[in-house]
Amino acid sequence: MSRTPSHTPALGSRRTLLERGQTLRYSRFVGRAKLILPSVAGALIVAVAVWPYLSVSFERLKPVFLKLDFAQLRDQKMINPRYSGVDKDKRPFTVSADAGRRSATDASGDDDLVALDGPKADILTKEGAWVVVAGDTGIYQAQTHFLDLFGHVTLFHDKGYEFKTSSARVDLDSGTAEGHEPIAGDGPSGTVSGEGFRVLQKGDIVIFTGKNHLVLDHIHGDGS
């Protein structure tokens, strides 16, 4: 007749205790789930209901990043730009135009070039005379006060002289100008033309370079 080993009851007791413990923990989990799940479900229902409004609010809160074209910014057009300054002798001058835009940097790296449409420079001479230089287009260097003019360039002196050429460079600091294309003009004394020109002392002296032609008006005397 066989006998059951003496340790069998102890193993059965431990197994029973483990099963009871697992059952108790499961019961507690189920109880907690019964309390938590309804709350979570309610929160989800509320979230679904208000989500369209929240999404609109989030869209409004998103930072707005503007797409900027820096090439366009550099070439931003200016309407009726006007630059004022004084020359080396402290006499005033102005440069104005119908429109202008920033151009590329020059060879020295100075970012001060302005492309102009319909540019015009007004210069005051030492004697108080008024000189105007204008063209179809131009480039103005704000730091060096150089103005390059192109297309139907006109030089006008208030003493009645007017000259026309295709291009010219004006140094507003020194009050000089020069060009290397044919020029023609007239004044109180007659008409003149040349292959180029230089203007000195703010228009008081005009030198025609290359082959030139001068026609003086005949002055009639009274015979006395």
Protein backbone atom coordinates (compact mmCIF):
# COMPACT_ATOMS: atom_id res chain seq x y z
CA MET A 1 0.00 0.00 0.00
CA SER A 2 1.56 3.23 -1.17
CA ARG A 3 1.60 6.45 0.88
CA THR A 4 1.40 10.04 -0.26
CA PRO A 5 4.66 11.95 0.41
CA SER A 6 4.54 14.13 3.52
CA HIS A 7 5.21 17.40 1.58
CA THR A 8 2.24 17.10 -0.81
CA PRO A 9 -0.20 19.11 1.40
CA ALA A 10 2.28 21.98 1.62
CA LEU A 11 2.60 22.22 -2.16
CA GLY A 12 -1.15 22.17 -2.55
CA SER A 13 -1.54 24.92 0.00
CA ARG A 14 0.97 27.17 -1.75
CA ARG A 15 -0.69 26.57 -5.12
CA THR A 16 -4.06 27.43 -3.64
CA LEU A 17 -2.71 30.64 -2.12
CA LEU A 18 -1.18 31.72 -5.47
CA GLU A 19 -4.45 31.10 -7.28
CA ARG A 20 -6.37 33.07 -4.68
CA GLY A 21 -3.89 35.93 -4.95
CA GLN A 22 -4.17 36.05 -8.73
CA THR A 23 -7.95 35.95 -8.50
CA LEU A 24 -7.93 38.79 -5.99
CA ARG A 25 -5.64 40.95 -8.12
CA TYR A 26 -7.78 40.34 -11.21
CA SER A 27 -10.91 41.25 -9.27
CA ARG A 28 -9.30 44.49 -8.13
CA PHE A 29 -8.22 45.27 -11.74
CA VAL A 30 -11.74 44.65 -13.02
CA GLY A 31 -13.17 46.86 -10.29
CA ARG A 32 -10.81 49.70 -11.11
CA ALA A 33 -11.47 49.29 -14.82
CA LYS A 34 -15.20 49.61 -14.19
CA LEU A 35 -14.54 52.98 -12.59
CA ILE A 36 -11.88 54.28 -15.01
CA LEU A 37 -13.17 53.13 -18.39
CA PRO A 38 -16.44 55.09 -18.27
CA SER A 39 -14.49 58.25 -17.45
CA VAL A 40 -12.04 57.63 -20.31
CA ALA A 41 -14.90 56.88 -22.69
CA GLY A 42 -16.64 60.11 -21.67
CA ALA A 43 -13.45 62.09 -22.18
CA LEU A 44 -13.01 60.58 -25.64
CA ILE A 45 -16.58 61.46 -26.58
CA VAL A 46 -16.04 65.05 -25.44
CA ALA A 47 -12.74 65.23 -27.35
CA VAL A 48 -14.38 63.98 -30.54
CA ALA A 49 -17.16 66.51 -30.14
CA VAL A 50 -14.90 69.53 -29.64
CA TRP A 51 -12.07 68.45 -31.98
CA PRO A 52 -13.28 70.53 -34.98
CA TYR A 53 -13.18 73.66 -32.83
CA LEU A 54 -9.79 72.75 -31.38
CA SER A 55 -8.31 72.09 -34.83
CA VAL A 56 -9.43 75.54 -35.99
CA SER A 57 -7.83 77.11 -32.93
CA PHE A 58 -4.60 75.17 -33.51
CA GLU A 59 -4.52 76.34 -37.13
CA ARG A 60 -4.82 79.92 -35.90
CA LEU A 61 -2.00 79.38 -33.45
CA LYS A 62 0.36 78.03 -36.08
CA PRO A 63 3.13 80.52 -36.85
CA VAL A 64 2.81 82.11 -40.24
CA PHE A 65 6.03 81.86 -42.25
CA LEU A 66 6.00 84.25 -45.18
CA LYS A 67 7.75 83.06 -48.29
CA LEU A 68 10.12 85.91 -49.02
CA ASP A 69 12.03 86.10 -52.27
CA PHE A 70 15.24 87.88 -51.30
CA ALA A 71 16.01 88.59 -54.95
CA GLN A 72 12.74 90.52 -55.14
CA LEU A 73 13.54 92.30 -51.88
CA ARG A 74 16.89 93.45 -53.25
CA ASP A 75 15.13 94.69 -56.38
CA GLN A 76 12.27 96.33 -54.53
CA LYS A 77 11.01 99.23 -56.59
CA MET A 78 11.02 102.76 -55.19
CA ILE A 79 8.67 105.41 -56.55
CA ASN A 80 10.02 108.95 -56.98
CA PRO A 81 13.27 108.39 -55.05
CA ARG A 82 15.19 111.53 -54.10
CA TYR A 83 18.76 111.84 -52.81
CA SER A 84 20.19 115.06 -51.40
CA GLY A 85 23.77 115.90 -50.56
CA VAL A 86 26.53 118.48 -50.67
CA ASP A 87 29.66 118.51 -52.80
CA LYS A 88 33.22 118.96 -51.61
CA ASP A 89 32.63 122.74 -51.50
CA LYS A 90 29.50 122.30 -49.36
CA ARG A 91 27.15 123.28 -52.18
CA PRO A 92 23.90 121.32 -52.37
CA PHE A 93 22.81 118.92 -55.09
CA THR A 94 19.88 116.56 -55.55
CA VAL A 95 19.31 113.39 -57.57
CA SER A 96 15.72 112.41 -58.31
CA ALA A 97 13.99 109.91 -60.59
CA ASP A 98 10.60 108.52 -61.59
CA ALA A 99 11.48 105.12 -60.10
CA GLY A 100 14.47 103.28 -58.69
CA ARG A 101 15.61 99.88 -57.48
CA ARG A 102 18.60 98.49 -55.67
CA SER A 103 21.13 96.99 -58.05
CA ALA A 104 23.96 94.45 -57.54
CA THR A 105 27.10 95.33 -55.61
CA ASP A 106 29.83 97.02 -57.56
CA ALA A 107 33.36 95.69 -58.04
CA SER A 108 34.54 97.19 -54.73
CA GLY A 109 31.80 95.36 -52.85
CA ASP A 110 29.82 98.48 -51.93
CA ASP A 111 26.11 97.76 -51.95
CA ASP A 112 25.08 101.34 -52.78
CA LEU A 113 24.13 101.17 -56.45
CA VAL A 114 20.63 102.33 -57.40
CA ALA A 115 19.21 101.80 -60.88
CA LEU A 116 17.04 104.77 -61.86
CA ASP A 117 14.30 105.39 -64.41
CA GLY A 118 14.10 108.99 -65.61
CA PRO A 119 16.99 110.27 -63.43
CA LYS A 120 17.74 113.96 -63.03
CA ALA A 121 20.49 115.79 -61.14
CA ASP A 122 20.16 119.42 -60.02
CA ILE A 123 23.45 121.17 -59.34
CA LEU A 124 24.14 124.66 -57.98
CA THR A 125 27.29 126.38 -59.24
CA LYS A 126 29.62 128.61 -57.27
CA GLU A 127 28.12 131.67 -58.95
CA GLY A 128 24.61 130.53 -58.10
CA ALA A 129 23.75 129.23 -61.57
CA TRP A 130 21.54 126.18 -61.97
CA VAL A 131 22.65 123.11 -63.96
CA VAL A 132 20.41 120.13 -64.72
CA VAL A 133 21.54 116.80 -66.15
CA ALA A 134 18.91 114.19 -67.11
CA GLY A 135 18.56 110.91 -69.02
CA ASP A 136 16.26 107.98 -69.75
CA THR A 137 17.97 105.64 -67.28
CA GLY A 138 20.88 105.83 -64.89
CA ILE A 139 22.96 104.31 -62.11
CA TYR A 140 23.60 106.32 -58.94
CA GLN A 141 26.34 105.50 -56.41
CA ALA A 142 25.23 107.02 -53.13
CA GLN A 143 28.62 106.84 -51.42
CA THR A 144 30.81 108.22 -54.20
CA HIS A 145 28.13 110.55 -55.68
CA PHE A 146 28.70 109.29 -59.22
CA LEU A 147 25.72 109.38 -61.57
CA ASP A 148 25.90 107.50 -64.89
CA LEU A 149 23.23 108.48 -67.41
CA PHE A 150 22.09 106.64 -70.55
CA GLY A 151 19.71 107.43 -73.38
CA HIS A 152 18.71 110.95 -74.51
CA VAL A 153 21.04 112.61 -72.02
CA THR A 154 20.48 116.36 -71.73
CA LEU A 155 22.72 118.94 -70.03
CA PHE A 156 21.02 122.26 -69.35
CA HIS A 157 22.57 125.45 -67.98
CA ASP A 158 20.30 128.28 -66.88
CA LYS A 159 22.35 130.73 -68.97
CA GLY A 160 20.58 129.22 -71.95
CA TYR A 161 22.91 126.40 -73.02
CA GLU A 162 21.53 122.95 -73.78
CA PHE A 163 23.51 119.92 -74.99
CA LYS A 164 22.34 116.44 -75.94
CA THR A 165 24.25 113.14 -76.08
CA SER A 166 23.73 109.40 -75.50
CA SER A 167 25.59 108.83 -72.23
CA ALA A 168 27.46 110.74 -69.56
CA ARG A 169 29.08 110.32 -66.18
CA VAL A 170 28.54 113.06 -63.62
CA ASP A 171 30.76 113.50 -60.57
CA LEU A 172 28.51 115.43 -58.22
CA ASP A 173 31.28 115.88 -55.65
CA SER A 174 33.59 117.78 -57.99
CA GLY A 175 30.87 119.25 -60.21
CA THR A 176 32.28 117.71 -63.39
CA ALA A 177 30.88 115.55 -66.17
CA GLU A 178 32.21 113.76 -69.22
CA GLY A 179 31.05 111.66 -72.15
CA HIS A 180 32.64 109.84 -75.07
CA GLU A 181 29.79 109.78 -77.55
CA PRO A 182 28.75 112.44 -80.07
CA ILE A 183 27.28 115.57 -78.52
CA ALA A 184 25.51 118.57 -79.99
CA GLY A 185 23.93 121.66 -78.53
CA ASP A 186 23.23 125.31 -78.78
CA GLY A 187 23.19 128.46 -76.73
CA PRO A 188 23.05 132.23 -76.98
CA SER A 189 26.27 132.32 -79.01
CA GLY A 190 25.49 129.62 -81.58
CA THR A 191 25.60 125.85 -82.06
CA VAL A 192 28.36 123.32 -81.43
CA SER A 193 28.97 119.60 -81.87
CA GLY A 194 31.76 117.20 -81.03
CA GLU A 195 32.75 113.56 -80.57
CA GLY A 196 32.81 113.86 -76.80
CA PHE A 197 32.86 116.42 -74.03
CA ARG A 198 34.04 117.41 -70.60
CA VAL A 199 32.22 119.77 -68.25
CA LEU A 200 34.28 121.56 -65.62
CA GLN A 201 33.45 123.91 -62.75
CA LYS A 202 29.80 122.83 -62.65
CA GLY A 203 29.10 123.82 -66.24
CA ASP A 204 31.03 127.08 -66.38
CA ILE A 205 33.54 125.43 -68.76
CA VAL A 206 32.56 122.94 -71.50
CA ILE A 207 35.27 121.28 -73.59
CA PHE A 208 34.29 119.46 -76.79
CA THR A 209 36.71 116.64 -77.60
CA GLY A 210 37.58 114.96 -80.89
CA LYS A 211 36.40 116.48 -84.13
CA ASN A 212 34.05 119.36 -83.35
CA HIS A 213 32.16 121.99 -85.23
CA LEU A 214 31.19 125.45 -83.99
CA VAL A 215 28.84 127.91 -85.63
CA LEU A 216 28.64 131.36 -84.05
CA ASP A 217 25.59 133.48 -84.50
CA HIS A 218 26.27 136.70 -86.48
CA ILE A 219 26.14 139.75 -84.26
CA HIS A 220 24.78 142.82 -85.97
CA GLY A 221 26.20 146.13 -84.91
CA ASP A 222 24.41 149.45 -84.97
CA GLY A 223 27.07 150.98 -87.25
CA SER A 224 28.18 153.56 -84.76
